[in-house]
Amino acid sequence: MKAITTEIDKHHPRLEITSTLQIIVSPEHLAELFWNMESAEQALVFNHLAEIAHSLPMQLQFITDSEELSAEGRGVMRLIGEYSNGN
C-alpha cells in the first residue's frame, strides 16, 4: 500500500491512498450473489456474458464434459435453455 500526503492548499491537507486488493469469490458464493439479484440484474449478467463470451459453445461443452457438473447442475442448464426458448 502506498500513501501520499499532498496539500490542496495549506489549510486543507489531503491523504491519497493507493492499494491493491485481491478478492477470491468461490463458485458457491458467485451463485448465491447471482441468485440474490433482481431479475433485471440477472438479465444484465447474461447480456454481459454475450458480450465477452466469444467461444460460448466451446465453453458450454467444457462445462457439460466436466466431472464437476452434477445431475442437478445439468438440470439447471437444461431448464435455462428451455425457458430461453419460450418453453
C-alpha atoms as a PDB file:
ATOM      1  CA  MET A   1       0.000   0.000   0.000  1.00  0.00           C
ATOM      2  CA  LYS A   2       1.284   3.430  -0.897  1.00  0.00           C
ATOM      3  CA  ALA A   3       0.220   6.584   0.949  1.00  0.00           C
ATOM      4  CA  ILE A   4       0.948  10.082  -0.321  1.00  0.00           C
ATOM      5  CA  THR A   5       0.133  13.233   1.579  1.00  0.00           C
ATOM      6  CA  THR A   6      -0.487  16.272  -0.563  1.00  0.00           C
ATOM      7  CA  GLU A   7      -1.977  19.655   0.083  1.00  0.00           C
ATOM      8  CA  ILE A   8      -4.812  21.240  -1.856  1.00  0.00           C
ATOM      9  CA  ASP A   9      -3.833  24.391  -0.038  1.00  0.00           C
ATOM     10  CA  LYS A  10      -2.154  24.952   3.314  1.00  0.00           C
ATOM     11  CA  HIS A  11      -5.487  24.707   5.196  1.00  0.00           C
ATOM     12  CA  HIS A  12      -6.776  21.511   3.540  1.00  0.00           C
ATOM     13  CA  PRO A  13      -4.294  18.624   3.596  1.00  0.00           C
ATOM     14  CA  ARG A  14      -5.340  15.568   1.624  1.00  0.00           C
ATOM     15  CA  LEU A  15      -4.256  11.963   2.026  1.00  0.00           C
ATOM     16  CA  GLU A  16      -4.305   9.767  -1.067  1.00  0.00           C
ATOM     17  CA  ILE A  17      -4.001   6.008  -0.635  1.00  0.00           C
ATOM     18  CA  THR A  18      -3.492   3.560  -3.455  1.00  0.00           C
ATOM     19  CA  SER A  19      -3.967  -0.086  -2.638  1.00  0.00           C
ATOM     20  CA  THR A  20      -4.480  -3.365  -4.432  1.00  0.00           C
ATOM     21  CA  LEU A  21      -6.925  -5.872  -3.015  1.00  0.00           C
ATOM     22  CA  GLN A  22      -7.462  -9.376  -4.327  1.00  0.00           C
ATOM     23  CA  ILE A  23     -10.860 -10.917  -3.637  1.00  0.00           C
ATOM     24  CA  ILE A  24     -11.401 -14.566  -4.493  1.00  0.00           C
ATOM     25  CA  VAL A  25     -15.049 -15.500  -4.973  1.00  0.00           C
ATOM     26  CA  SER A  26     -15.935 -19.174  -4.781  1.00  0.00           C
ATOM     27  CA  PRO A  27     -18.349 -20.680  -7.312  1.00  0.00           C
ATOM     28  CA  GLU A  28     -20.826 -21.196  -4.464  1.00  0.00           C
ATOM     29  CA  HIS A  29     -20.643 -17.553  -3.427  1.00  0.00           C
ATOM     30  CA  LEU A  30     -20.957 -16.387  -7.038  1.00  0.00           C
ATOM     31  CA  ALA A  31     -24.103 -18.498  -7.439  1.00  0.00           C
ATOM     32  CA  GLU A  32     -25.571 -17.031  -4.245  1.00  0.00           C
ATOM     33  CA  LEU A  33     -24.770 -13.494  -5.409  1.00  0.00           C
ATOM     34  CA  PHE A  34     -26.478 -14.203  -8.746  1.00  0.00           C
ATOM     35  CA  TRP A  35     -29.499 -15.783  -7.053  1.00  0.00           C
ATOM     36  CA  ASN A  36     -29.978 -12.754  -4.801  1.00  0.00           C
ATOM     37  CA  MET A  37     -30.047 -10.310  -7.735  1.00  0.00           C
ATOM     38  CA  GLU A  38     -33.251  -8.863  -9.121  1.00  0.00           C
ATOM     39  CA  SER A  39     -34.359 -10.431 -12.405  1.00  0.00           C
ATOM     40  CA  ALA A  40     -33.286  -7.333 -14.375  1.00  0.00           C
ATOM     41  CA  GLU A  41     -29.771  -7.623 -12.907  1.00  0.00           C
ATOM     42  CA  GLN A  42     -29.658 -11.331 -13.748  1.00  0.00           C
ATOM     43  CA  ALA A  43     -30.649 -10.484 -17.322  1.00  0.00           C
ATOM     44  CA  LEU A  44     -27.760  -7.993 -17.460  1.00  0.00           C
ATOM     45  CA  VAL A  45     -25.366 -10.745 -16.395  1.00  0.00           C
ATOM     46  CA  PHE A  46     -26.456 -12.841 -19.388  1.00  0.00           C
ATOM     47  CA  ASN A  47     -26.211  -9.777 -21.644  1.00  0.00           C
ATOM     48  CA  HIS A  48     -22.645  -9.203 -20.486  1.00  0.00           C
ATOM     49  CA  LEU A  49     -21.776 -12.857 -20.998  1.00  0.00           C
ATOM     50  CA  ALA A  50     -22.983 -12.462 -24.574  1.00  0.00           C
ATOM     51  CA  GLU A  51     -20.557  -9.553 -24.993  1.00  0.00           C
ATOM     52  CA  ILE A  52     -17.496 -11.287 -23.529  1.00  0.00           C
ATOM     53  CA  ALA A  53     -18.051 -14.961 -24.385  1.00  0.00           C
ATOM     54  CA  HIS A  54     -16.544 -15.226 -27.856  1.00  0.00           C
ATOM     55  CA  SER A  55     -16.378 -19.021 -27.676  1.00  0.00           C
ATOM     56  CA  LEU A  56     -19.529 -19.716 -25.645  1.00  0.00           C
ATOM     57  CA  PRO A  57     -20.472 -23.006 -27.378  1.00  0.00           C
ATOM     58  CA  MET A  58     -16.997 -24.399 -26.678  1.00  0.00           C
ATOM     59  CA  GLN A  59     -17.138 -23.256 -23.046  1.00  0.00           C
ATOM     60  CA  LEU A  60     -20.565 -24.830 -22.601  1.00  0.00           C
ATOM     61  CA  GLN A  61     -19.152 -28.074 -23.996  1.00  0.00           C
ATOM     62  CA  PHE A  62     -16.298 -27.902 -21.468  1.00  0.00           C
ATOM     63  CA  ILE A  63     -18.840 -27.385 -18.676  1.00  0.00           C
ATOM     64  CA  THR A  64     -21.062 -30.275 -19.751  1.00  0.00           C
ATOM     65  CA  ASP A  65     -17.994 -32.534 -20.082  1.00  0.00           C
ATOM     66  CA  SER A  66     -16.742 -31.591 -16.606  1.00  0.00           C
ATOM     67  CA  GLU A  67     -16.835 -34.244 -13.909  1.00  0.00           C
ATOM     68  CA  GLU A  68     -17.744 -31.435 -11.505  1.00  0.00           C
ATOM     69  CA  LEU A  69     -21.175 -30.869 -13.132  1.00  0.00           C
ATOM     70  CA  SER A  70     -23.795 -32.745 -11.119  1.00  0.00           C
ATOM     71  CA  ALA A  71     -27.084 -34.048 -12.469  1.00  0.00           C
ATOM     72  CA  GLU A  72     -28.785 -31.169 -10.664  1.00  0.00           C
ATOM     73  CA  GLY A  73     -26.454 -28.615 -12.277  1.00  0.00           C
ATOM     74  CA  ARG A  74     -27.084 -30.141 -15.691  1.00  0.00           C
ATOM     75  CA  GLY A  75     -30.813 -29.888 -14.950  1.00  0.00           C
ATOM     76  CA  VAL A  76     -30.470 -26.160 -14.216  1.00  0.00           C
ATOM     77  CA  MET A  77     -28.622 -25.663 -17.516  1.00  0.00           C
ATOM     78  CA  ARG A  78     -31.390 -27.563 -19.331  1.00  0.00           C
ATOM     79  CA  LEU A  79     -34.101 -25.526 -17.598  1.00  0.00           C
ATOM     80  CA  ILE A  80     -32.429 -22.223 -18.545  1.00  0.00           C
ATOM     81  CA  GLY A  81     -32.260 -23.433 -22.148  1.00  0.00           C
ATOM     82  CA  GLU A  82     -35.928 -24.400 -22.154  1.00  0.00           C
ATOM     83  CA  TYR A  83     -37.035 -21.074 -20.682  1.00  0.00           C
ATOM     84  CA  SER A  84     -34.865 -19.062 -23.059  1.00  0.00           C
ATOM     85  CA  ASN A  85     -36.600 -20.819 -25.984  1.00  0.00           C
ATOM     86  CA  GLY A  86     -40.028 -19.888 -24.614  1.00  0.00           C
ATOM     87  CA  ASN A  87     -40.952 -23.395 -23.488  1.00  0.00           C
END
